Protein backbone atom coordinates (compact mmCIF):
# COMPACT_ATOMS: atom_id res chain seq x y z
CA MET A 1 -16.84 70.17 2.11
CA ALA A 2 -14.09 68.10 0.76
CA LYS A 3 -11.57 69.77 -1.63
CA SER A 4 -12.69 69.80 -5.36
CA LYS A 5 -11.49 67.11 -7.66
CA ILE A 6 -11.45 69.79 -10.52
CA LEU A 7 -7.96 70.79 -11.03
CA TRP A 8 -8.61 74.55 -11.68
CA THR A 9 -10.29 75.32 -8.38
CA GLU A 10 -10.20 74.39 -4.63
CA ASP A 11 -13.48 73.89 -3.54
CA VAL A 12 -17.08 74.19 -4.56
CA TRP A 13 -19.76 76.03 -3.17
CA ASN A 14 -23.30 74.98 -4.23
CA PRO A 15 -26.17 77.26 -3.32
CA ILE A 16 -28.12 75.95 -6.07
CA THR A 17 -28.88 72.40 -7.44
CA GLY A 18 -30.41 71.15 -10.30
CA CYS A 19 -30.24 72.10 -14.03
CA THR A 20 -31.65 71.96 -17.61
CA LYS A 21 -29.60 70.59 -20.21
CA LEU A 22 -29.27 73.49 -22.82
CA SER A 23 -26.49 73.09 -25.49
CA ALA A 24 -24.06 70.38 -27.11
CA GLY A 25 -21.83 70.19 -24.03
CA CYS A 26 -24.36 69.37 -21.68
CA ALA A 27 -25.19 65.97 -23.25
CA ASN A 28 -22.89 63.87 -20.83
CA CYS A 29 -23.39 66.35 -18.07
CA TYR A 30 -21.35 65.10 -15.20
CA ALA A 31 -23.56 66.86 -12.50
CA TYR A 32 -26.87 65.24 -13.90
CA GLY A 33 -25.46 61.79 -13.48
CA MET A 34 -24.46 62.82 -9.84
CA THR A 35 -27.33 64.34 -9.23
CA GLN A 36 -29.44 60.95 -10.09
CA ARG A 37 -26.92 59.29 -7.66
CA LEU A 38 -27.36 61.47 -4.92
CA GLU A 39 -30.94 61.92 -5.10
CA LYS A 40 -31.40 58.16 -4.22
CA ASN A 41 -29.55 58.53 -0.96
CA PRO A 42 -31.70 58.83 1.93
CA LYS A 43 -29.03 60.18 3.87
CA ILE A 44 -28.63 63.53 1.72
CA THR A 45 -31.83 65.59 1.44
CA LYS A 46 -30.03 68.54 -0.19
CA TYR A 47 -30.59 66.34 -3.84
CA ARG A 48 -34.60 65.25 -2.93
CA ASN A 49 -35.93 67.52 -6.00
CA GLY A 50 -33.73 65.58 -8.06
CA TRP A 51 -32.67 67.81 -11.36
CA LYS A 52 -35.33 70.52 -10.67
CA VAL A 53 -33.44 73.84 -10.02
CA THR A 54 -33.61 74.41 -5.97
CA PRO A 55 -32.04 77.43 -4.50
CA HIS A 56 -30.74 76.56 -1.02
CA PRO A 57 -30.81 79.41 1.19
CA GLU A 58 -29.34 77.38 3.86
CA CYS A 59 -26.18 77.03 1.91
CA LEU A 60 -25.64 81.05 1.52
CA SER A 61 -23.45 81.59 4.50
CA ILE A 62 -20.60 78.79 3.81
CA PRO A 63 -18.13 81.09 2.51
CA LEU A 64 -18.89 83.34 5.31
CA ASP A 65 -17.92 80.79 7.97
CA LYS A 66 -14.78 80.09 6.33
CA GLU A 67 -11.68 82.44 7.08
CA LYS A 68 -9.18 80.80 4.89
CA PRO A 69 -8.67 82.39 1.74
CA THR A 70 -10.17 79.68 -0.73
CA VAL A 71 -10.83 79.53 -4.62
CA TYR A 72 -14.48 78.64 -5.09
CA PHE A 73 -16.35 77.22 -7.91
CA VAL A 74 -20.03 78.58 -7.54
CA ASN A 75 -22.43 75.98 -8.62
CA SER A 76 -20.45 72.82 -10.31
CA MET A 77 -23.84 71.08 -9.46
CA SER A 78 -26.40 74.11 -11.42
CA ASP A 79 -25.94 77.44 -13.29
CA VAL A 80 -26.18 80.45 -11.35
CA PHE A 81 -28.04 82.11 -14.40
CA HIS A 82 -30.44 79.56 -15.37
CA LYS A 83 -34.12 81.01 -16.01
CA ASP A 84 -35.55 79.09 -12.80
CA VAL A 85 -33.18 80.83 -10.40
CA PRO A 86 -34.87 83.86 -8.92
CA VAL A 87 -32.93 87.19 -9.46
CA LYS A 88 -33.17 87.89 -5.72
CA PHE A 89 -31.67 84.93 -4.86
CA ILE A 90 -28.85 85.44 -7.49
CA ARG A 91 -28.23 88.78 -6.07
CA GLN A 92 -27.78 87.28 -2.38
CA ILE A 93 -25.26 85.24 -4.12
CA PHE A 94 -23.20 87.90 -5.33
CA GLU A 95 -23.92 89.96 -2.22
CA VAL A 96 -22.00 86.82 -0.08
CA MET A 97 -19.06 87.02 -2.57
CA VAL A 98 -18.81 90.80 -1.87
CA GLU A 99 -18.81 90.20 1.81
CA ALA A 100 -16.20 87.32 1.58
CA LYS A 101 -13.28 89.24 0.36
CA GLN A 102 -10.66 86.60 1.72
CA HIS A 103 -12.04 84.27 -1.26
CA THR A 104 -12.07 83.87 -5.02
CA PHE A 105 -15.42 83.05 -6.44
CA GLN A 106 -15.22 81.37 -10.23
CA VAL A 107 -18.78 81.71 -11.38
CA LEU A 108 -19.37 79.70 -14.78
CA THR A 109 -22.59 79.81 -17.10
CA LYS A 110 -24.03 78.43 -20.55
CA ARG A 111 -26.81 80.92 -19.96
CA SER A 112 -24.76 84.19 -21.08
CA GLU A 113 -28.07 86.08 -22.24
CA ARG A 114 -29.16 86.35 -18.67
CA LEU A 115 -25.94 87.01 -17.35
CA ARG A 116 -25.82 90.26 -19.58
CA GLU A 117 -29.18 91.28 -19.04
CA LEU A 118 -28.70 91.08 -14.86
CA ALA A 119 -25.02 92.05 -15.07
CA PRO A 120 -25.85 95.74 -14.46
CA THR A 121 -27.89 94.99 -11.38
CA LEU A 122 -25.42 93.23 -9.72
CA PRO A 123 -22.48 94.01 -7.74
CA TRP A 124 -19.21 93.02 -9.09
CA PRO A 125 -16.21 92.83 -6.52
CA ASP A 126 -12.80 92.14 -8.03
CA ASN A 127 -12.47 88.65 -6.27
CA VAL A 128 -15.15 87.26 -8.83
CA TYR A 129 -14.12 85.50 -11.70
CA MET A 130 -16.97 85.55 -14.30
CA GLY A 131 -16.60 82.65 -17.07
CA VAL A 132 -18.68 81.04 -19.93
CA THR A 133 -18.63 77.66 -21.63
CA VAL A 134 -17.78 77.57 -25.42
CA GLU A 135 -17.93 73.78 -26.43
CA ASN A 136 -17.63 75.23 -29.95
CA SER A 137 -17.84 77.74 -32.69
CA ASP A 138 -21.82 77.59 -32.23
CA TYR A 139 -21.40 79.27 -28.84
CA TYR A 140 -19.17 82.26 -29.56
CA GLY A 141 -22.08 84.39 -28.80
CA ARG A 142 -21.61 83.71 -25.39
CA ILE A 143 -18.31 85.31 -25.31
CA ALA A 144 -19.63 88.61 -26.30
CA ASP A 145 -22.13 88.52 -23.80
CA LEU A 146 -19.30 87.87 -21.21
CA ILE A 147 -17.09 90.84 -22.31
CA ALA A 148 -20.18 93.18 -21.78
CA THR A 149 -20.26 92.55 -17.99
CA PRO A 150 -18.47 94.37 -15.69
CA ALA A 151 -16.27 91.41 -14.41
CA LYS A 152 -12.91 92.22 -13.74
CA VAL A 153 -11.61 88.49 -14.76
CA LYS A 154 -13.10 87.05 -17.49
CA PHE A 155 -12.73 83.33 -18.45
CA LEU A 156 -13.42 80.85 -20.85
CA SER A 157 -14.18 76.79 -20.27
CA VAL A 158 -13.55 75.17 -23.51
CA GLU A 159 -14.83 72.03 -22.40
CA PRO A 160 -15.84 69.67 -23.36
CA LEU A 161 -13.95 71.10 -26.66
CA LEU A 162 -16.25 69.32 -29.39
CA SER A 163 -14.78 70.67 -32.43
CA ALA A 164 -12.02 72.81 -34.08
CA VAL A 165 -12.12 76.35 -32.67
CA PRO A 166 -9.09 78.15 -34.39
CA ASP A 167 -10.97 81.29 -34.90
CA ILE A 168 -12.14 81.58 -31.02
CA PRO A 169 -12.43 85.25 -30.14
CA LEU A 170 -10.03 85.59 -27.13
CA LYS A 171 -9.62 89.49 -27.19
CA GLY A 172 -10.53 90.50 -23.63
CA MET A 173 -10.36 87.06 -21.86
CA ASP A 174 -8.14 87.05 -18.87
CA TRP A 175 -8.03 82.87 -18.78
CA VAL A 176 -8.91 79.92 -20.68
CA ILE A 177 -9.42 76.41 -19.76
CA VAL A 178 -9.46 73.55 -22.34
CA ALA A 179 -10.43 69.96 -21.71
CA GLY A 180 -11.71 66.82 -23.32
CA GLU A 181 -15.08 65.14 -22.16
CA SER A 182 -14.81 62.14 -19.62
CA GLY A 183 -16.76 59.32 -19.07
CA HIS A 184 -18.06 56.38 -20.64
CA LYS A 185 -20.03 58.36 -23.34
CA ALA A 186 -17.04 60.71 -23.98
CA ARG A 187 -16.73 62.43 -27.18
CA PRO A 188 -13.43 62.22 -29.03
CA MET A 189 -11.34 65.83 -28.89
CA GLU A 190 -8.31 66.15 -31.61
CA ALA A 191 -5.12 67.13 -30.41
CA GLN A 192 -4.66 70.21 -33.08
CA TRP A 193 -7.91 71.61 -31.64
CA VAL A 194 -6.10 72.26 -28.37
CA ARG A 195 -2.88 73.32 -29.71
CA ASP A 196 -5.22 75.92 -31.80
CA VAL A 197 -6.43 77.28 -28.62
CA ARG A 198 -3.06 77.32 -26.65
CA ASP A 199 -0.82 78.68 -29.59
CA LYS A 200 -3.47 81.46 -29.73
CA CYS A 201 -3.44 81.81 -26.18
CA VAL A 202 0.08 82.09 -26.09
CA ARG A 203 0.22 84.63 -28.62
CA MET A 204 -1.93 86.86 -26.68
CA LYS A 205 -0.39 86.26 -23.46
CA ILE A 206 -3.55 84.75 -22.11
CA PRO A 207 -3.30 82.12 -19.41
CA PHE A 208 -4.02 78.58 -20.64
CA PHE A 209 -5.10 75.62 -18.39
CA PHE A 210 -5.04 72.43 -20.06
CA LYS A 211 -7.28 70.20 -17.91
CA GLN A 212 -7.38 66.69 -19.42
CA TRP A 213 -7.75 64.95 -22.67
CA GLY A 214 -10.44 62.86 -21.59
CA GLY A 215 -11.78 59.52 -22.62
CA ARG A 216 -13.60 56.49 -20.76
CA GLY A 217 -12.28 55.95 -17.24
CA LYS A 218 -9.06 54.27 -17.52
CA LEU A 219 -8.35 55.83 -20.88
CA ASN A 220 -8.75 59.27 -19.25
CA LYS A 221 -5.97 58.28 -16.77
CA GLU A 222 -3.91 57.10 -19.23
CA ARG A 223 -3.84 59.70 -21.52
CA GLY A 224 -3.20 62.22 -18.80
CA ARG A 225 -2.35 66.12 -19.05
CA LEU A 226 0.64 66.48 -20.99
CA LEU A 227 0.34 68.43 -24.28
CA ASP A 228 3.44 68.00 -26.08
CA GLY A 229 5.54 66.97 -23.69
CA ARG A 230 4.28 69.32 -20.71
CA THR A 231 1.47 70.29 -18.44
CA TRP A 232 -0.16 73.71 -18.71
CA GLU A 233 -1.70 75.03 -15.46
CA GLN A 234 -1.36 78.56 -15.80
CA LYS A 235 -3.95 81.06 -14.08
CA PRO A 236 -4.80 84.36 -13.77
CA MET A 237 -2.67 86.41 -11.35
CA PRO A 238 -4.45 86.79 -8.07
CA THR A 239 -6.55 90.43 -7.45
CA GLU A 240 -5.77 92.96 -5.13
């Protein structure tokens, strides 16, 4: 697998493909667009089912076959806690993460209710970072669901940030990522929205990672990643 272009991780591990658009942040889903392209490539059979949720048991062993410690984003092309993913397969993913102690796994979901429901039945090794996406204040409930899990490291992906969230509850969080939307249909993000989250993280001593301002193609590159004259690339301390 190639090194990921996602700035807050090193590589991706996709034992599941396919998903369903769920909330406001899903409108311009990059995984959906990428899946549409990949399913047309006859040389790539993994996406033959298109956007239908499809577990791939043959991909479960990928982290076990790699000795070099790596930070993996788990299921960049799906959602581990999608309702159509069998509970047995979710457990198998977690069992691999338990066994692959040399790696760090970042799991991100919008299905926080199912996460909360299944969390007591899953193993939670320290090398699993569990996060939820919170694109605006309508989804603060996901944070409460995340806090209820036994995950040692809990994080928020505030991406794409679609509105101001100055009152976002960050107690119990170990990391916060913020980013604007990219792509030709990108929705705008205001600088003050980002500053509100950044300033709250600074006050609460929570690592803050600013990924991008976003925008369409060239504009995204031109706007870059500077926030008030500097980059913000803070991350949680590695677990021991």
